[in-house]
Every structure is written in C-alpha cells, then in structure tokens.
Protein backbone atom coordinates (compact mmCIF):
# COMPACT_ATOMS: atom_id res chain seq x y z
CA PRO A 1 -38.28 10.01 -6.22
CA ALA A 2 -35.37 8.82 -5.42
CA LYS A 3 -32.44 10.76 -4.95
CA GLU A 4 -28.80 9.40 -6.59
CA VAL A 5 -25.89 10.92 -6.01
CA ASP A 6 -22.78 10.56 -7.72
CA HIS A 7 -19.36 10.74 -5.17
CA GLY A 8 -15.98 10.08 -7.23
CA GLY A 9 -17.43 7.92 -9.34
CA LEU A 10 -19.60 5.72 -6.93
CA LEU A 11 -23.54 6.46 -7.82
CA PHE A 12 -25.54 6.14 -4.69
CA GLN A 13 -29.22 5.54 -4.19
CA ASP A 14 -31.12 6.64 -1.11
CA GLY A 15 -27.23 6.21 0.54
CA ASN A 16 -26.60 2.74 -0.72
CA LEU A 17 -24.16 2.33 -3.51
CA ILE A 18 -25.61 1.12 -6.87
CA SER A 19 -23.07 1.70 -9.91
CA ALA A 20 -19.57 2.15 -10.16
CA SER A 21 -16.75 1.29 -12.61
CA LEU A 22 -14.38 -1.49 -11.13
CA GLU A 23 -12.14 1.17 -10.43
CA ALA A 24 -13.82 3.16 -8.43
CA LEU A 25 -15.04 0.22 -6.87
CA ILE A 26 -11.31 -1.02 -5.86
CA GLN A 27 -10.58 3.05 -4.80
CA HIS A 28 -13.65 2.87 -2.33
CA LEU A 29 -11.75 -0.93 -0.45
CA ILE A 30 -8.60 0.61 0.19
CA PRO A 31 -7.82 2.87 3.76
CA THR A 32 -7.22 6.02 3.80
CA VAL A 33 -5.53 8.08 6.94
CA ASP A 34 -9.45 8.99 7.87
CA TYR A 35 -11.38 6.79 6.06
CA TYR A 36 -12.46 2.58 6.09
CA PRO A 37 -14.66 1.14 4.18
CA GLU A 38 -17.58 -0.82 5.60
CA LYS A 39 -17.35 -4.36 6.48
CA ALA A 40 -19.56 -5.46 4.15
CA TYR A 41 -18.35 -3.95 1.28
CA ILE A 42 -15.32 -4.86 1.81
CA PHE A 43 -16.83 -8.82 1.62
CA THR A 44 -19.42 -8.08 -0.72
CA PHE A 45 -16.19 -6.80 -3.48
CA LEU A 46 -13.71 -9.06 -2.77
CA LEU A 47 -16.44 -12.22 -2.75
CA SER A 48 -17.74 -10.53 -6.55
CA SER A 49 -14.48 -8.83 -8.57
CA ARG A 50 -13.63 -12.66 -8.53
CA LEU A 51 -15.23 -12.66 -11.23
CA PHE A 52 -13.91 -9.94 -12.97
CA MET A 53 -10.46 -10.54 -11.39
CA GLU A 54 -8.54 -13.08 -10.38
CA PRO A 55 -7.47 -12.17 -6.42
CA HIS A 56 -3.96 -11.72 -6.64
CA GLU A 57 -5.06 -9.37 -9.11
CA LEU A 58 -7.12 -6.98 -6.93
CA LEU A 59 -4.44 -7.14 -4.02
CA SER A 60 -1.66 -6.40 -6.67
CA LYS A 61 -3.46 -3.60 -7.79
CA VAL A 62 -4.69 -2.26 -4.13
CA CYS A 63 -0.93 -2.52 -2.77
CA HIS A 64 0.30 -0.58 -6.55
CA MET A 65 -2.96 2.23 -5.23
CA CYS A 66 -1.90 2.13 -1.47
CA ILE A 67 2.06 2.31 -2.46
CA GLU A 68 1.30 6.09 -4.50
CA GLN A 69 -1.26 7.18 -2.44
CA GLN A 70 0.15 7.38 0.95
CA ARG A 71 4.13 7.73 -1.27
CA LEU A 72 4.90 4.64 0.23
CA ASP A 73 7.84 4.22 -2.16
CA GLU A 74 9.74 7.71 -1.20
CA PRO A 75 13.04 7.48 0.25
CA VAL A 76 11.56 9.63 3.14
CA LEU A 77 8.45 8.34 4.92
CA ASP A 78 5.63 10.68 6.64
CA LYS A 79 6.45 7.87 9.87
CA VAL A 80 3.03 10.42 11.16
CA ARG A 81 0.65 9.36 8.31
CA ILE A 82 1.86 6.12 8.19
CA ARG A 83 1.03 5.46 11.59
CA LYS A 84 -1.96 6.10 10.71
CA PHE A 85 -2.13 4.47 7.49
CA GLY A 86 -0.98 1.05 8.99
CA PRO A 87 -3.11 0.26 11.14
CA LYS A 88 -5.96 0.65 8.39
CA ILE A 89 -4.45 -1.32 5.44
CA ILE A 90 -3.25 -4.48 8.54
CA GLN A 91 -7.11 -4.44 9.31
CA LEU A 92 -7.70 -4.73 5.70
CA LEU A 93 -5.78 -7.61 4.69
CA THR A 94 -5.66 -8.83 8.62
CA GLU A 95 -10.02 -9.37 6.79
CA TRP A 96 -8.77 -10.91 3.70
CA THR A 97 -7.09 -13.60 5.17
CA GLU A 98 -10.10 -14.62 7.42
CA THR A 99 -12.91 -14.14 5.09
CA PHE A 100 -10.47 -15.99 2.23
CA PRO A 101 -7.98 -17.83 2.76
CA TYR A 102 -7.98 -19.80 0.59
CA ASP A 103 -6.85 -16.98 -1.85
CA PHE A 104 -3.53 -17.36 -0.01
CA ARG A 105 -2.70 -20.04 -1.32
CA ASP A 106 -1.35 -18.45 -4.26
CA GLU A 107 2.69 -16.98 -3.48
CA ARG A 108 1.52 -13.82 -5.32
CA MET A 109 -0.47 -13.22 -2.45
CA ILE A 110 1.97 -13.74 0.03
CA GLY A 111 4.44 -11.52 -1.79
CA HIS A 112 1.73 -8.44 -2.09
CA LEU A 113 1.29 -8.88 1.50
CA LYS A 114 5.03 -8.64 3.01
CA ASP A 115 5.58 -6.41 0.65
CA MET A 116 2.93 -3.88 1.72
CA ILE A 117 4.30 -4.60 5.38
CA HIS A 118 8.19 -3.93 4.48
CA ARG A 119 7.44 -0.83 3.11
CA ILE A 120 5.27 0.66 6.65
CA ALA A 121 7.11 -1.44 8.97
CA PRO A 122 10.27 1.69 9.20
CA CYS A 123 7.52 3.55 10.89
CA ASP A 124 6.37 1.33 13.91
CA GLU A 125 7.97 -2.13 14.71
CA SER A 126 4.84 -3.87 15.20
CA TYR A 127 3.37 -4.23 12.11
CA TRP A 128 5.91 -6.84 11.63
CA LYS A 129 4.76 -8.65 14.53
CA LYS A 130 0.87 -8.49 14.11
CA MET A 131 1.65 -9.42 10.51
CA ASN A 132 3.57 -12.45 11.76
CA GLN A 133 1.07 -13.43 13.88
CA ARG A 134 -2.10 -13.22 10.94
CA LEU A 135 0.19 -15.63 9.03
CA GLN A 136 0.79 -17.93 11.63
CA ASN A 137 -3.29 -18.08 11.61
CA LEU A 138 -3.29 -18.46 8.43
CA ASN A 139 -1.26 -21.20 8.01
CA GLN A 140 -3.41 -22.98 10.57
CA LYS A 141 -6.13 -22.37 9.07
CA LEU A 142 -4.62 -23.49 5.24
CA ALA A 143 -3.54 -26.48 7.24
CA THR A 144 -7.13 -27.59 8.18
CA LEU A 145 -8.35 -27.01 4.87
CA ASN A 146 -5.47 -29.30 3.49
CA GLN A 147 -6.13 -32.07 5.29
CA SER A 148 -10.31 -31.41 4.16
CA GLU A 149 -9.28 -31.43 1.43
CA ASP A 150 -6.72 -34.34 0.85
CA SER A 151 -9.34 -36.97 2.50
CA THR A 152 -12.14 -35.95 0.81
CA VAL A 153 -10.20 -36.70 -2.19
CA LYS A 154 -9.38 -40.18 -0.59
CA VAL A 155 -12.52 -40.60 0.69
CA ASN A 156 -13.90 -40.38 -2.55
CA PRO A 157 -12.56 -42.75 -5.61
CA GLY A 158 -11.80 -45.40 -2.63
CA VAL A 159 -16.32 -45.34 -1.96
CA SER A 160 -16.57 -48.00 -4.92
CA ASP A 161 -14.01 -49.80 -3.95
CA LYS A 162 -15.16 -50.42 -0.69
CA LEU A 163 -19.03 -51.56 -1.41
CA VAL A 164 -17.26 -54.44 -3.58
CA ILE A 165 -14.63 -55.67 -0.58
CA ILE A 166 -18.15 -55.60 1.92
CA LYS A 167 -20.40 -57.51 -0.26
CA THR A 168 -17.32 -60.25 -0.65
CA LYS A 169 -16.83 -60.30 3.43
CA PRO A 170 -18.22 -63.23 5.40
CA PRO A 171 -21.62 -62.28 6.35
CA SER A 172 -20.39 -62.93 10.04
CA ILE A 173 -18.11 -59.80 9.93
CA GLN A 174 -19.83 -58.07 7.47
CA ARG A 175 -21.37 -54.49 9.87
CA ASP A 176 -23.64 -51.81 9.01
CA ALA A 177 -24.19 -49.05 10.66
CA LEU A 178 -26.31 -49.91 13.40
CA SER A 179 -24.48 -52.79 14.47
CA ILE A 180 -22.03 -50.04 15.59
CA CYS A 181 -24.44 -47.24 17.00
CA ASN A 182 -27.85 -49.26 17.31
CA ASP A 183 -29.33 -45.68 18.73
CA PRO A 184 -30.83 -43.81 15.73
CA TYR A 185 -31.21 -40.39 17.33
CA THR A 186 -27.75 -40.86 18.55
CA LEU A 187 -26.65 -41.77 14.92
CA ALA A 188 -28.39 -39.07 13.05
CA GLN A 189 -26.54 -36.96 15.81
CA GLN A 190 -23.13 -37.86 15.03
CA LEU A 191 -23.77 -37.57 10.74
CA THR A 192 -25.06 -33.91 11.69
CA HIS A 193 -21.18 -33.10 13.10
CA VAL A 194 -19.37 -34.73 10.22
CA GLU A 195 -21.90 -32.64 8.63
CA LEU A 196 -21.45 -29.14 10.19
CA GLU A 197 -17.64 -30.14 9.69
CA ARG A 198 -17.62 -30.52 6.39
CA LEU A 199 -19.88 -27.51 5.60
CA SER A 200 -17.54 -25.19 7.98
CA LEU A 201 -14.85 -25.73 5.56
CA ILE A 202 -16.80 -24.24 2.01
CA GLY A 203 -16.07 -20.56 1.96
CA PRO A 204 -18.19 -18.69 0.31
CA GLU A 205 -16.09 -18.17 -2.83
CA GLU A 206 -16.73 -21.51 -4.04
CA PHE A 207 -20.77 -20.94 -4.22
CA VAL A 208 -19.91 -18.53 -7.21
CA GLN A 209 -17.45 -20.66 -8.23
CA ALA A 210 -19.93 -23.52 -8.55
CA PHE A 211 -22.20 -21.03 -10.00
CA VAL A 212 -19.78 -19.61 -12.74
CA HIS A 213 -19.51 -23.25 -14.06
CA LYS A 214 -23.34 -24.04 -14.13
CA ASP A 215 -23.49 -20.91 -16.23
CA ASN A 216 -21.55 -22.12 -18.71
CA THR A 217 -19.17 -18.91 -17.89
CA LYS A 218 -15.10 -19.59 -18.36
CA SER A 219 -13.69 -19.69 -14.79
CA CYS A 220 -11.41 -17.48 -12.92
CA PHE A 221 -10.68 -20.09 -10.19
CA SER A 222 -8.29 -22.12 -12.36
CA ASP A 223 -5.37 -21.90 -9.67
CA GLN A 224 -8.14 -22.46 -7.45
CA LYS A 225 -9.32 -24.65 -4.61
CA LYS A 226 -12.21 -27.18 -6.41
CA THR A 227 -15.36 -27.59 -5.29
CA HIS A 228 -15.97 -31.03 -4.38
C-alpha cells in the first residue's frame, strides 16, 4: 500500500504532495535560508492558487510571511542570514514575473515586489540592480503583450466592416489571398507564423480563466486580462 506522510500540514504519498491546506501550500512556496521550492511546484501553485485568491493577495501574504520569518521589520538586520535568503526570494519573484507577467499589470503587485526588495537591499546593494533589470524586462514584456492585445481589439470589430467594403469595391481593385501570394505552401507558412505569434502571447492563466468561465463560476480575474 502507498505510504502517506504528513510534513508540516502537507500530506505526501510516495514522495508526491497530494493534499494540504491553502495556508500550508503558501508556506511551501516561500523560500528560506536553506530551502527553495521546486520549479514545478512554483508554476503549479501560482497557476492554481488564483482559483482561491487573487495574485496580489497571494503576493501580499508571501511577503508578509517572509518579513515575519526573516525578521525583516527589525531595526538591525542579520546581514549574513539575509544574504543567504535574498537571492532566493529574488529568484522566486523573477520566476513569477517571467511566467505570469500579466499579474504585474496590477500596481499592487509592483508595490509588494518593491517593498520586499527595499527591505533586503541594505544587506546587499546588488539586489536593487538585479530587480531593476527584472522590472525592465517585465515592462518590455508587458508592452509587447499590450500591443498585441490592442491590435486584436482593433481588428475584431472591423472585420465585418471590411467585408462590406470589399463587396462594394470594383472587381478590378478587389484582392484575395492568392493574388498576393499565389503559392499555397508559402501562404500556409505565413499563416502559421501569424498563429504561432498570437499563441506565444497566451499565458497559462488564461486557460484557467476560460475553464472558470465555462463552469459559470465566479471569476477571480475581474481585474485581469480578458481572453481573446
């Protein structure tokens, strides 16, 4: 029979996490001086947790627990301890910004992130430099996503109007796809590139959002990106 082990509120079966309270799962996400969560767990929990709480609430809780556990609110910090903890919390925040960049369109997320770095930066000035670079990368990513989102919004409402315009134009100036590219193979390649570019901008959280809406469940994405 499979062996079940309870470890700090986390129930494992044959080494696999099978059950836990939300509080225990959040604790399992938080790095310490000598612990960092597995990459697969970070992705899975950051994705599924939004069914129960909004991302800014989760990040607020994570930061609060880090402040308590690492005693970051004390006047004098344990620099040796923080220098071991700092790179790990920065790594966690970096993975979050890279995997779910849309979460950080919420100013509350940016506020929590900056507050955490502000608390650990006195122990190592490089933390600010690293996080500033991460924020620049995040801004570039969000700018790209926003441009794609804007173009999609602009294109969809105009499709029917364009069809009407094409029908009313003289035959001599009407064009179809094959008149622009008469090689079906090349045309198929170009269409595939367009589709792949669109698909690359779809985040995993959007699939969760779609399933939630499909089940007619109250969405926790009211202030998040709409799926197109």
